[in-house]
Every structure is written in structure tokens, then in C-alpha cells.
Amino acid sequence: MAQPLPDFLEENQDVIKCLSLNTADALFSAYMMLSSDGFSDGLLWNGAWNAIEAAAALRSCEPPPYEAFEEAFEGQNKHCQCAEVGGQLFLDWLDAAGNRTTLSNSELVEAKQIKDAAIAEGIASCNWITVEGEAKTATYDIQDGSKPEWYIVPTLNTDCCVGTPSPPAVQPPPAPYIFGEPDADCGSRVRLLDSCIDRYGFAQNFYKVENNYYTCTGESVPDYYYWETIDGPSILYVGGTPLPYQLFCNPPHAYPHPHAAIPTSSGGGTSSLSAVTYTLDAGCTYNQETEDFDTKFTYDVEATDDGIVGLARRMDALAWMINNSGLIPYTTCATTKPKLEGEWVSTHWISDGASDNSKQPLRKLFRYRTKSDRTTKELRQHWKQLIWESGSVVVGHKGAWWGTPQVWALNEEEGKRVLRFAGGEAGLDPDLDGEWFVGSSRSPRIGMKGRMRLARREGDYWVSSRDGSDGEEDLSHDP
């Protein structure tokens, strides 16, 4: 059941998203997307990376490197469902502690093709064909483990069969993101559990928030789960005994993603199929003011009384969409988004008093790219001068090399003042380069008011840069 957005999530949802985009966690997200239902739809690892990159751009986070995905999901040891010559059969799974486990199930050049696989009552099974054409079955008791993946590693200097996807290498669950001091009953842990690609082409995550605040507030705050969506977090409270982890990563039993593709109906069974129009949104053209995409590509499939012909036409349409989704980053996006330059700077802010309807202060994260040569210490001295008023008006800037910085401010002028201050540090004039965009919140829980000052962390002002020229540690991904 959907619930009002908690203050903690209101203040930290963007920070959590950026934390989830570090390389290890993004690889886990891609694995969850692909191993859930991606292969049946023809989705390969580069499609998952495109969705993750689009989500990073939408939130002004730094995406993980493409090369890391290439190495993790392809690498030198390809994982095949069918080996061009022959190979060795393997089983990968996550044990109860979340550790990756691998087991060989054949001789070196014995396995040719995997026919199907299943898991029941902790027993993972696989029906496969040898290079001699013999049908075999492999089974193994993974007990309380999850996510079993069967694959063939082809023999040296050979490849997978043409046209067969490679399953992703199992990725271990990430460590939780720590806010405050949960071990001392005064903070939260956020666990990344599952990921999907929404109907807009963005990578969205499923989290569990574990709350421990009794010592500092005297109140028992319930744990909850939530999906990310274009419109913000969708809360799912779970009371009583915690549900098993597998519930949330096994698609037939998982809660439906709020922005999953809308199913279409067709009449006549296999004897006839109705007309349908497929729409492919260009993710990089998402417009925050209209909450829609400025650029769309459509493919019309006409109605037919011949079900086989209708299915073939739909498959042609899906092939067209898959092909074009791979081209969009190099065509449409390349012409609509400037090349990012400079290094990321992250600034963290806190209000003078408690936020609306909460005992906790309001917290904000503001990020942008800079071309200045200031050290981290100099950045802290620069930003501590600024005090600004937050509110319900979102003011942002796009179309320039410093990303898409935005801030929730009291009004349009206050928001532009903050971004102009950032531009003065970055070496960019937002009035001359790129363009402004202004919007407002339709929810009373978004864009709360507060006088914001630069926050402190471990006694120093909380400003961090991607590469500090003074050799200081990069804290841009810390909570």
C-alpha cells in the first residue's frame, strides 16, 4: 500500500540514487535487471548500462564507466547459452550471505548448449546437450542461496553461438548505505535489493530502509521498502516479520514496478491480433516541466486476422526498437546534450532549524561540474559564504558543459542566485551559456522551506570534489 513520503526519503532520495551508481552497485543493478526478465526481451548488458547512464544524467549523478560493464558482463571468459565449438558447464549463485559461488558441472570441452534451467526447493537444475548430441541433466542443492545462473564458458579462442545472449556474471549485493549512526539507534541503513528498467528507459531501484532512531528521538520508526520512479519514490510498508529477500528479486512474486510497461490487449487469440503502436522515448529528452519526453519514435503495427503474421510483425517492431534504442545515444542524445567537462563538485546543505512537519533539519545536495583549479579546501572557503532560502520552486540549468544542476528555492530569483554563484566558481555564465528551466512542486511534501547553510562533516565544511588537487580524499559518494 502506497504511503506518504517520509522526511528522510524526501531529503536523501537523490543522495541514495547517486550512491547506487558507483561501479560495484551499478553492476549489481544491471545483473538484477538482466537476470530477472531481460533475456527473454533481448536485453543485453549494454542496454542496462544505457538505462543506468540515462538515470545518472536525469539526477545529475556521475555514471559508472562503460569499461567496467564490458569487463564484468563480457570479459575474456564469455558466458554462453550455446558454445560455437564446445565448452565447460558452470553454475553461479549467491549463497545465503550474498557471496558469489561458482561450481563446474562438466569436462572442459563437453558442453554444447543449455536447453532450459529451473530451481525448486533449493535445487537448481539444468538440461543441457553435449558436443556429441547427448542430452544430460545437472542438479545441485544451493540450499538457501538465490539467483542461480547456468552458463557455458567456451573453449579457448572460440565464441558463443551466433545470436545467443550471454547471461550476466553474478554480482554480490552491495553494502548498505549508512546515514547517521544506526548501530547507536540514531540513523538509517538503506539496502539496494533489486533494479529494473522502467518504460521510459531509466534504471530504477528497489530499496529497503532500515530505521534505528529510538535513542535520539524516543520513537520507533518502521522499516519500509520503496521503488524509484520518474515521479519520485513509491513507498511499500511491510509490517511484522520481514519478508524473504527472494520475494523482491523473483519477478513472478515481486511488487509490480509503478512505471512498468502498460500491457496491451488483443482479441481473437492466435487467430487474430489487433493494431498496436509501439512508442520509443528518447531518454535524454526528458522534460521536467511537462514530465514527458520531447522526442518520441513510433512504430505502427496494423491489425491482422493471421495471428502468426501479427506476431511476426510485432517481433519486427521490437527488433526495430532494440536497434534504435542502441542508436539513440549516438544520434538524438549526441545532438541534444552537450559534452560534460570539468570535475564534479558536491556541496551538502542543512537548514537552520527543523524542516516542516519534522523534528529533523532539512538537508540538500547540490552538484555541478567545474573547470576551476581550486583545491577542496578552497572550494569549502568559497561555498561557506553562501546562505540561501529553499522552497517549492525548482530552478535548473541545462545545455551547458557543467551538467544539469538544479536547486529547490524559495522563488525563481533565489534559485538563479544559487546557480549564478556556482557558475562563478565553475567558470560559466548561466545567463549566456545554455538555458534556464523553472518549475514548481505539486506536492506539499516536496520543496520545503528553510534557510540553508553549508553543512559540516567531521568538523569541516561538507564540500567535496571528484579529484582534489590537494590530494584530499574524494567524498563525493559518501552519504
Protein backbone atom coordinates (compact mmCIF):
# COMPACT_ATOMS: atom_id res chain seq x y z
CA MET A 1 0.00 0.00 0.00
CA ALA A 2 1.41 3.38 -1.01
CA GLN A 3 2.22 5.70 1.91
CA PRO A 4 3.17 9.40 2.31
CA LEU A 5 6.82 10.12 1.63
CA PRO A 6 8.92 10.03 4.85
CA ASP A 7 11.05 13.09 5.64
CA PHE A 8 14.24 11.00 5.49
CA LEU A 9 13.46 9.88 1.95
CA GLU A 10 12.35 13.35 0.89
CA GLU A 11 15.73 14.73 1.93
CA ASN A 12 18.00 11.88 0.82
CA GLN A 13 16.48 10.20 -2.24
CA ASP A 14 18.90 11.92 -4.66
CA VAL A 15 21.90 11.11 -2.46
CA ILE A 16 20.82 7.44 -2.33
CA LYS A 17 20.49 7.34 -6.12
CA CYS A 18 23.97 8.77 -6.64
CA LEU A 19 25.42 6.30 -4.14
CA SER A 20 23.80 3.42 -6.05
CA LEU A 21 25.61 4.50 -9.23
CA ASN A 22 29.09 3.65 -8.02
CA THR A 23 30.59 0.90 -10.18
CA ALA A 24 30.05 -2.13 -7.91
CA ASP A 25 26.45 -1.25 -7.06
CA ALA A 26 25.58 -0.35 -10.66
CA LEU A 27 26.93 -3.73 -11.79
CA PHE A 28 24.63 -5.39 -9.24
CA SER A 29 21.69 -3.35 -10.59
CA ALA A 30 22.48 -4.41 -14.15
CA TYR A 31 22.73 -8.04 -13.08
CA MET A 32 19.33 -7.86 -11.38
CA MET A 33 17.76 -6.30 -14.49
CA LEU A 34 19.21 -8.86 -16.86
CA SER A 35 18.73 -11.98 -14.75
CA SER A 36 15.13 -11.07 -13.85
CA ASP A 37 13.49 -10.93 -17.26
CA GLY A 38 15.82 -9.13 -19.65
CA PHE A 39 16.99 -12.04 -21.77
CA SER A 40 13.51 -13.03 -22.82
CA ASP A 41 13.15 -9.50 -24.22
CA GLY A 42 16.51 -9.45 -25.97
CA LEU A 43 18.09 -7.04 -23.49
CA LEU A 44 21.88 -7.31 -23.21
CA TRP A 45 24.23 -5.72 -20.69
CA ASN A 46 24.87 -2.61 -22.81
CA GLY A 47 21.12 -1.93 -22.71
CA ALA A 48 21.28 -2.00 -18.93
CA TRP A 49 24.26 0.35 -18.98
CA ASN A 50 22.35 2.79 -21.24
CA ALA A 51 19.45 2.80 -18.75
CA ILE A 52 21.83 3.41 -15.84
CA GLU A 53 23.60 6.21 -17.71
CA ALA A 54 20.22 7.83 -18.50
CA ALA A 55 19.22 7.68 -14.83
CA ALA A 56 22.55 9.24 -13.82
CA ALA A 57 22.04 12.11 -16.26
CA LEU A 58 18.49 12.69 -15.00
CA ARG A 59 19.70 13.02 -11.38
CA SER A 60 22.96 14.84 -12.22
CA CYS A 61 24.95 11.92 -10.80
CA GLU A 62 28.16 10.57 -12.27
CA PRO A 63 27.57 7.33 -14.22
CA PRO A 64 29.83 4.29 -13.79
CA PRO A 65 32.42 3.67 -16.54
CA TYR A 66 31.31 1.71 -19.59
CA GLU A 67 34.54 -0.31 -19.49
CA ALA A 68 33.61 -1.79 -16.10
CA PHE A 69 30.40 -3.22 -17.56
CA GLU A 70 32.22 -4.54 -20.60
CA GLU A 71 34.67 -6.38 -18.35
CA ALA A 72 32.10 -7.69 -15.86
CA PHE A 73 29.50 -8.92 -18.34
CA GLU A 74 31.63 -9.97 -21.29
CA GLY A 75 35.33 -10.00 -20.49
CA GLN A 76 37.68 -12.72 -21.67
CA ASN A 77 35.60 -15.59 -20.27
CA LYS A 78 32.33 -15.34 -22.17
CA HIS A 79 29.24 -16.87 -20.60
CA CYS A 80 27.26 -18.68 -23.31
CA GLN A 81 23.96 -20.48 -23.57
CA CYS A 82 25.36 -22.18 -26.66
CA ALA A 83 29.07 -22.70 -27.43
CA GLU A 84 30.30 -22.35 -31.00
CA VAL A 85 32.59 -25.39 -30.62
CA GLY A 86 32.14 -26.58 -27.05
CA GLY A 87 32.98 -25.58 -23.50
CA GLN A 88 32.58 -26.21 -19.79
CA LEU A 89 29.24 -26.00 -17.96
CA PHE A 90 29.14 -23.83 -14.81
CA LEU A 91 26.63 -22.85 -12.15
CA ASP A 92 26.84 -19.48 -10.37
CA TRP A 93 24.64 -18.45 -7.45
CA LEU A 94 24.54 -16.19 -4.41
CA ASP A 95 24.78 -18.03 -1.10
CA ALA A 96 22.70 -17.06 1.95
CA ALA A 97 25.33 -14.47 2.95
CA GLY A 98 25.27 -12.88 -0.51
CA ASN A 99 28.65 -14.27 -1.62
CA ARG A 100 29.16 -15.35 -5.20
CA THR A 101 29.69 -19.12 -5.59
CA THR A 102 30.78 -20.95 -8.77
CA LEU A 103 30.73 -24.68 -9.49
CA SER A 104 31.90 -26.65 -12.55
CA ASN A 105 29.43 -29.25 -13.87
CA SER A 106 31.19 -30.78 -16.91
CA GLU A 107 34.50 -31.57 -18.53
CA LEU A 108 36.47 -28.80 -20.29
CA VAL A 109 35.07 -29.17 -23.83
CA GLU A 110 31.96 -31.25 -23.15
CA ALA A 111 29.02 -28.82 -23.11
CA LYS A 112 27.43 -27.55 -26.33
CA GLN A 113 24.06 -25.98 -25.43
CA ILE A 114 21.80 -25.23 -22.46
CA LYS A 115 18.18 -26.13 -23.18
CA ASP A 116 16.45 -24.90 -20.01
CA ALA A 117 17.00 -24.40 -16.28
CA ALA A 118 14.87 -24.27 -13.15
CA ILE A 119 15.01 -24.07 -9.35
CA ALA A 120 12.66 -25.80 -6.91
CA GLU A 121 13.02 -26.17 -3.12
CA GLY A 122 16.64 -25.08 -3.23
CA ILE A 123 17.62 -27.49 -6.04
CA ALA A 124 18.98 -25.79 -9.18
CA SER A 125 18.70 -27.95 -12.31
CA CYS A 126 19.79 -27.58 -15.92
CA ASN A 127 19.03 -29.63 -19.05
CA TRP A 128 21.94 -29.43 -21.48
CA ILE A 129 23.37 -31.03 -24.64
CA THR A 130 26.91 -32.35 -25.03
CA VAL A 131 29.09 -31.78 -28.10
CA GLU A 132 28.20 -35.37 -29.08
CA GLY A 133 24.49 -34.54 -29.03
CA GLU A 134 23.73 -36.40 -25.78
CA ALA A 135 21.04 -34.94 -23.50
CA LYS A 136 22.09 -34.54 -19.86
CA THR A 137 20.70 -33.02 -16.65
CA ALA A 138 22.82 -31.32 -13.98
CA THR A 139 21.47 -30.60 -10.49
CA TYR A 140 22.89 -29.01 -7.36
CA ASP A 141 21.49 -28.15 -3.93
CA ILE A 142 22.13 -24.42 -3.40
CA GLN A 143 20.14 -24.57 -0.12
CA ASP A 144 19.27 -21.00 0.97
CA GLY A 145 21.06 -19.42 -1.99
CA SER A 146 19.42 -17.39 -4.75
CA LYS A 147 19.81 -16.26 -8.37
CA PRO A 148 21.23 -19.48 -9.88
CA GLU A 149 22.70 -18.94 -13.37
CA TRP A 150 23.81 -21.78 -15.67
CA TYR A 151 26.25 -20.96 -18.47
CA ILE A 152 28.94 -22.42 -20.71
CA VAL A 153 32.46 -20.97 -20.90
CA PRO A 154 33.59 -21.69 -24.49
CA THR A 155 36.94 -23.33 -25.12
CA LEU A 156 39.97 -21.10 -25.74
CA ASN A 157 39.79 -18.79 -28.81
CA THR A 158 36.19 -19.75 -29.61
CA ASP A 159 32.94 -17.89 -29.06
CA CYS A 160 29.26 -18.29 -28.24
CA CYS A 161 26.89 -19.44 -30.96
CA VAL A 162 25.79 -16.58 -33.19
CA GLY A 163 22.61 -14.90 -31.94
CA THR A 164 22.60 -16.33 -28.40
CA PRO A 165 22.85 -13.94 -25.43
CA SER A 166 25.33 -14.43 -22.62
CA PRO A 167 23.88 -14.45 -19.10
CA PRO A 168 25.42 -11.89 -16.76
CA ALA A 169 28.04 -12.84 -14.21
CA VAL A 170 26.52 -13.00 -10.72
CA GLN A 171 27.12 -9.79 -8.79
CA PRO A 172 27.03 -9.72 -4.95
CA PRO A 173 24.51 -7.46 -3.15
CA PRO A 174 26.00 -4.07 -2.21
CA ALA A 175 26.83 -3.00 1.31
CA PRO A 176 24.11 -0.78 2.86
CA TYR A 177 24.33 3.00 2.68
CA ILE A 178 24.72 4.41 6.20
CA PHE A 179 23.03 7.63 7.35
CA GLY A 180 23.76 8.82 10.86
CA GLU A 181 24.67 6.10 13.41
CA PRO A 182 22.17 3.23 13.12
CA ASP A 183 24.32 0.99 15.35
CA ALA A 184 23.73 3.54 18.11
CA ASP A 185 19.97 3.67 17.40
CA CYS A 186 20.25 7.04 15.70
CA GLY A 187 20.32 6.54 11.94
CA SER A 188 19.25 4.54 8.90
CA ARG A 189 20.62 1.81 6.64
CA VAL A 190 19.47 1.75 3.02
CA ARG A 191 19.86 -1.56 1.17
CA LEU A 192 19.72 -1.87 -2.63
CA LEU A 193 17.71 -5.06 -3.32
CA ASP A 194 16.53 -5.05 -6.92
CA SER A 195 16.52 -2.99 -10.14
CA CYS A 196 14.51 -2.69 -13.32
CA ILE A 197 14.26 -0.56 -16.46
CA ASP A 198 11.07 1.49 -16.47
CA ARG A 199 9.00 2.20 -19.55
CA TYR A 200 10.90 5.45 -20.10
CA GLY A 201 14.25 3.65 -20.40
CA PHE A 202 15.61 4.70 -16.99
CA ALA A 203 17.19 2.35 -14.44
CA GLN A 204 15.09 2.38 -11.26
CA ASN A 205 15.99 0.66 -8.00
CA PHE A 206 14.16 -1.12 -5.19
CA TYR A 207 15.42 -0.44 -1.66
CA LYS A 208 14.80 -1.39 1.94
CA VAL A 209 15.20 1.42 4.51
CA GLU A 210 16.04 0.13 7.99
CA ASN A 211 15.46 2.76 10.67
CA ASN A 212 17.01 2.90 14.17
CA TYR A 213 16.20 6.21 15.88
CA TYR A 214 14.92 5.29 19.34
CA THR A 215 17.95 6.62 21.24
CA CYS A 216 17.95 10.08 19.65
CA THR A 217 14.17 10.59 19.19
CA GLY A 218 12.49 8.19 21.61
CA GLU A 219 10.29 6.98 18.72
CA SER A 220 10.17 3.65 16.92
CA VAL A 221 10.38 4.34 13.18
CA PRO A 222 9.18 1.43 10.99
CA ASP A 223 11.28 -0.06 8.22
CA TYR A 224 9.92 0.23 4.68
CA TYR A 225 10.64 -0.62 1.06
CA TYR A 226 10.37 1.65 -1.96
CA TRP A 227 10.73 1.71 -5.73
CA GLU A 228 12.23 4.69 -7.53
CA THR A 229 10.03 6.17 -10.27
CA ILE A 230 10.03 9.22 -12.55
CA ASP A 231 7.55 10.84 -10.14
CA GLY A 232 9.63 10.08 -7.05
CA PRO A 233 9.73 7.18 -4.56
CA SER A 234 6.79 4.79 -4.35
CA ILE A 235 6.61 3.56 -0.75
CA LEU A 236 5.76 -0.01 0.24
CA TYR A 237 5.49 -0.54 4.00
CA VAL A 238 5.91 -4.13 5.22
CA GLY A 239 4.79 -4.83 8.77
CA GLY A 240 5.52 -7.77 11.06
CA THR A 241 8.15 -10.34 10.18
CA PRO A 242 10.49 -9.18 7.38
CA LEU A 243 9.63 -10.84 4.08
CA PRO A 244 12.31 -13.07 2.48
CA TYR A 245 14.77 -11.35 0.20
CA GLN A 246 13.84 -13.62 -2.72
CA LEU A 247 10.35 -12.12 -2.78
CA PHE A 248 11.75 -8.90 -4.16
CA CYS A 249 14.13 -10.27 -6.78
CA ASN A 250 11.95 -13.04 -8.20
CA PRO A 251 9.80 -11.28 -10.85
CA PRO A 252 6.69 -13.54 -10.61
CA HIS A 253 6.32 -12.59 -6.93
CA ALA A 254 7.76 -9.06 -6.84
CA TYR A 255 5.64 -5.98 -6.47
CA PRO A 256 4.97 -4.51 -9.92
CA HIS A 257 7.13 -1.54 -10.78
CA PRO A 258 4.97 1.62 -10.87
CA HIS A 259 6.23 2.51 -14.34
CA ALA A 260 6.32 -0.95 -15.87
CA ALA A 261 5.17 -1.11 -19.47
CA ILE A 262 1.39 -0.89 -19.81
CA PRO A 263 0.05 -4.19 -21.21
CA THR A 264 -2.00 -4.10 -24.39
CA SER A 265 -4.89 -6.42 -25.13
CA SER A 266 -5.56 -8.23 -28.36
CA GLY A 267 -8.64 -10.12 -29.45
CA GLY A 268 -9.17 -13.38 -31.21
CA GLY A 269 -6.45 -15.47 -29.53
CA THR A 270 -3.82 -16.64 -32.01
CA SER A 271 -6.24 -16.33 -34.93
CA SER A 272 -6.29 -12.52 -34.94
CA LEU A 273 -4.35 -9.62 -33.45
CA SER A 274 -5.47 -6.00 -33.07
CA ALA A 275 -3.48 -2.99 -34.21
CA VAL A 276 -0.85 -1.62 -31.86
CA THR A 277 1.54 1.34 -31.80
CA TYR A 278 4.92 0.97 -30.09
CA THR A 279 6.48 4.16 -28.72
CA LEU A 280 10.19 4.53 -28.05
CA ASP A 281 11.03 7.54 -25.85
CA ALA A 282 14.42 9.24 -26.22
CA GLY A 283 15.54 9.26 -22.58
CA CYS A 284 17.90 12.22 -22.93
CA THR A 285 15.00 14.49 -23.97
CA TYR A 286 13.02 14.12 -20.71
CA ASN A 287 11.37 17.47 -19.94
CA GLN A 288 10.91 18.14 -16.22
CA GLU A 289 8.30 20.81 -16.87
CA THR A 290 5.98 18.60 -18.93
CA GLU A 291 7.07 15.39 -17.14
CA ASP A 292 7.31 13.75 -20.56
CA PHE A 293 9.82 13.22 -23.36
CA ASP A 294 10.20 15.83 -26.10
CA THR A 295 11.34 13.24 -28.66
CA LYS A 296 9.44 10.01 -29.35
CA PHE A 297 9.67 7.39 -32.10
CA THR A 298 6.61 5.34 -33.02
CA TYR A 299 6.13 2.09 -34.93
CA ASP A 300 2.63 1.13 -36.09
CA VAL A 301 1.59 -2.50 -36.47
CA GLU A 302 -1.73 -2.93 -38.27
CA ALA A 303 -4.44 -5.41 -37.27
CA THR A 304 -4.45 -8.83 -38.92
CA ASP A 305 -6.60 -11.97 -38.91
CA ASP A 306 -3.48 -14.12 -39.23
CA GLY A 307 -2.06 -14.48 -35.72
CA ILE A 308 1.31 -15.81 -36.91
CA VAL A 309 1.77 -12.85 -39.26
CA GLY A 310 0.73 -10.49 -36.45
CA LEU A 311 3.29 -11.96 -34.07
CA ALA A 312 5.99 -11.70 -36.73
CA ARG A 313 5.17 -8.01 -37.27
CA ARG A 314 5.34 -7.37 -33.53
CA MET A 315 8.72 -9.09 -33.37
CA ASP A 316 9.88 -6.86 -36.25
CA ALA A 317 8.72 -3.85 -34.25
CA LEU A 318 10.60 -4.99 -31.14
CA ALA A 319 13.74 -5.60 -33.19
CA TRP A 320 13.36 -2.07 -34.60
CA MET A 321 13.02 -0.64 -31.07
CA ILE A 322 16.03 -2.56 -29.75
CA ASN A 323 18.16 -1.39 -32.67
CA ASN A 324 17.10 2.24 -32.35
CA SER A 325 17.48 2.29 -28.57
CA GLY A 326 21.14 1.49 -29.14
CA LEU A 327 21.49 4.24 -31.76
CA ILE A 328 19.73 7.00 -29.78
CA PRO A 329 22.76 7.76 -27.53
CA TYR A 330 24.85 8.38 -30.67
CA THR A 331 22.21 10.24 -32.70
CA THR A 332 19.46 12.02 -30.79
CA CYS A 333 21.28 12.31 -27.46
CA ALA A 334 24.52 13.36 -29.11
CA THR A 335 22.72 16.33 -30.66
CA THR A 336 20.65 17.29 -27.62
CA LYS A 337 23.19 17.00 -24.80
CA PRO A 338 26.48 18.88 -24.59
CA LYS A 339 29.66 17.04 -23.71
CA LEU A 340 30.28 17.18 -19.97
CA GLU A 341 33.57 18.81 -19.00
CA GLY A 342 35.40 19.62 -15.79
CA GLU A 343 35.18 17.72 -12.49
CA TRP A 344 32.20 17.07 -10.23
CA VAL A 345 31.78 19.18 -7.09
CA SER A 346 29.28 18.12 -4.41
CA THR A 347 28.00 20.54 -1.76
CA HIS A 348 25.84 19.45 1.20
CA TRP A 349 23.45 21.82 2.96
CA ILE A 350 21.45 21.87 6.20
CA SER A 351 18.68 24.20 7.40
CA ASP A 352 18.99 26.40 10.49
CA GLY A 353 16.02 24.72 12.13
CA ALA A 354 13.75 21.69 11.79
CA SER A 355 12.02 21.17 8.47
CA ASP A 356 8.25 21.35 8.02
CA ASN A 357 6.40 18.52 9.81
CA SER A 358 9.66 17.03 11.11
CA LYS A 359 11.98 17.20 14.12
CA GLN A 360 14.97 16.89 11.82
CA PRO A 361 16.62 19.70 9.83
CA LEU A 362 16.20 19.89 6.08
CA ARG A 363 19.17 18.57 4.08
CA LYS A 364 20.07 19.24 0.44
CA LEU A 365 22.69 18.04 -2.03
CA PHE A 366 23.78 20.36 -4.86
CA ARG A 367 26.19 19.11 -7.56
CA TYR A 368 27.76 20.64 -10.65
CA ARG A 369 30.91 20.40 -12.76
CA THR A 370 33.72 22.94 -12.50
CA LYS A 371 36.72 23.92 -14.61
CA SER A 372 38.36 25.85 -11.80
CA ASP A 373 41.63 24.68 -10.26
CA ARG A 374 40.51 25.26 -6.65
CA THR A 375 41.56 22.69 -4.08
CA THR A 376 38.92 21.08 -1.86
CA LYS A 377 39.89 23.48 0.96
CA GLU A 378 39.46 26.47 -1.37
CA LEU A 379 36.07 25.16 -2.52
CA ARG A 380 34.94 24.97 1.11
CA GLN A 381 36.04 28.56 1.72
CA HIS A 382 34.18 29.67 -1.42
CA TRP A 383 30.90 27.93 -0.66
CA LYS A 384 30.70 28.74 3.08
CA GLN A 385 29.94 32.37 2.11
CA LEU A 386 26.57 31.42 0.62
CA ILE A 387 23.29 31.30 2.59
CA TRP A 388 20.09 30.69 0.64
CA GLU A 389 16.37 30.01 1.11
CA SER A 390 14.90 26.69 -0.05
CA GLY A 391 11.31 26.32 -1.16
CA SER A 392 8.85 24.90 -3.67
CA VAL A 393 10.31 26.33 -6.91
CA VAL A 394 12.83 24.19 -8.78
CA VAL A 395 15.33 26.25 -10.78
CA GLY A 396 17.77 24.47 -13.04
CA HIS A 397 20.13 24.97 -15.93
CA LYS A 398 20.70 22.74 -18.96
CA GLY A 399 22.50 22.72 -22.28
CA ALA A 400 25.99 23.53 -20.96
CA TRP A 401 29.08 21.52 -20.10
CA TRP A 402 28.56 21.62 -16.30
CA GLY A 403 25.70 19.06 -16.29
CA THR A 404 22.12 19.88 -15.28
CA PRO A 405 22.42 21.48 -11.83
CA GLN A 406 19.16 22.35 -10.10
CA VAL A 407 18.01 23.62 -6.74
CA TRP A 408 14.67 23.84 -4.87
CA ALA A 409 14.46 27.50 -3.85
CA LEU A 410 12.01 29.97 -2.33
CA ASN A 411 11.43 31.57 -5.74
CA GLU A 412 12.95 31.80 -9.23
CA GLU A 413 15.35 34.65 -8.41
CA GLU A 414 16.69 32.88 -5.32
CA GLY A 415 17.32 29.72 -7.32
CA LYS A 416 19.11 31.63 -10.07
CA ARG A 417 21.23 33.37 -7.42
CA VAL A 418 22.49 29.99 -6.17
CA LEU A 419 23.27 28.75 -9.68
CA ARG A 420 24.98 32.00 -10.65
CA PHE A 421 27.14 31.65 -7.52
CA ALA A 422 28.05 28.13 -8.67
CA GLY A 423 28.70 29.38 -12.19
CA GLY A 424 31.11 31.98 -10.86
CA GLU A 425 33.14 29.19 -9.26
CA ALA A 426 32.84 26.80 -12.21
CA GLY A 427 33.84 29.32 -14.88
CA LEU A 428 30.46 29.54 -16.64
CA ASP A 429 27.85 32.29 -17.03
CA PRO A 430 24.42 30.55 -16.89
CA ASP A 431 22.79 33.64 -18.40
CA LEU A 432 24.91 33.32 -21.55
CA ASP A 433 25.65 29.58 -21.84
CA GLY A 434 22.82 27.03 -22.02
CA GLU A 435 19.32 27.83 -20.78
CA TRP A 436 17.32 28.10 -17.58
CA PHE A 437 14.32 25.95 -16.65
CA VAL A 438 11.90 26.68 -13.83
CA GLY A 439 9.15 24.51 -12.33
CA SER A 440 7.23 24.05 -9.12
CA SER A 441 6.07 21.18 -6.94
CA ARG A 442 2.51 19.92 -6.90
CA SER A 443 3.11 18.13 -3.60
CA PRO A 444 3.19 19.94 -0.22
CA ARG A 445 5.94 17.48 0.89
CA ILE A 446 8.34 18.49 -1.88
CA GLY A 447 10.32 21.72 -1.81
CA MET A 448 10.00 22.56 1.89
CA LYS A 449 11.17 25.94 3.15
CA GLY A 450 14.33 26.51 5.15
CA ARG A 451 17.36 28.81 5.46
CA MET A 452 20.22 26.68 4.13
CA ARG A 453 23.86 26.84 5.20
CA LEU A 454 26.80 24.68 4.22
CA ALA A 455 26.72 21.52 6.35
CA ARG A 456 29.67 20.24 8.36
CA ARG A 457 31.03 16.71 8.44
CA GLU A 458 33.66 15.56 10.89
CA GLY A 459 34.19 19.19 11.90
CA ASP A 460 34.80 20.58 8.40
CA TYR A 461 32.55 22.07 5.77
CA TRP A 462 30.99 19.35 3.61
CA VAL A 463 32.19 20.13 0.10
CA SER A 464 33.95 17.51 -1.99
CA SER A 465 35.39 17.26 -5.46
CA ARG A 466 35.97 14.32 -7.77
CA ASP A 467 39.73 14.91 -7.95
CA GLY A 468 41.11 17.14 -5.24
CA SER A 469 44.29 18.82 -6.43
CA ASP A 470 45.44 18.97 -2.82
CA GLY A 471 45.37 15.17 -2.62
CA GLU A 472 42.36 15.01 -0.27
CA GLU A 473 40.06 12.01 -0.27
CA ASP A 474 37.14 12.11 -2.71
CA LEU A 475 33.96 12.15 -0.61
CA SER A 476 31.51 12.82 -3.43
CA HIS A 477 29.83 9.42 -3.00
CA ASP A 478 29.62 9.40 0.78
CA PRO A 479 26.20 9.81 2.46
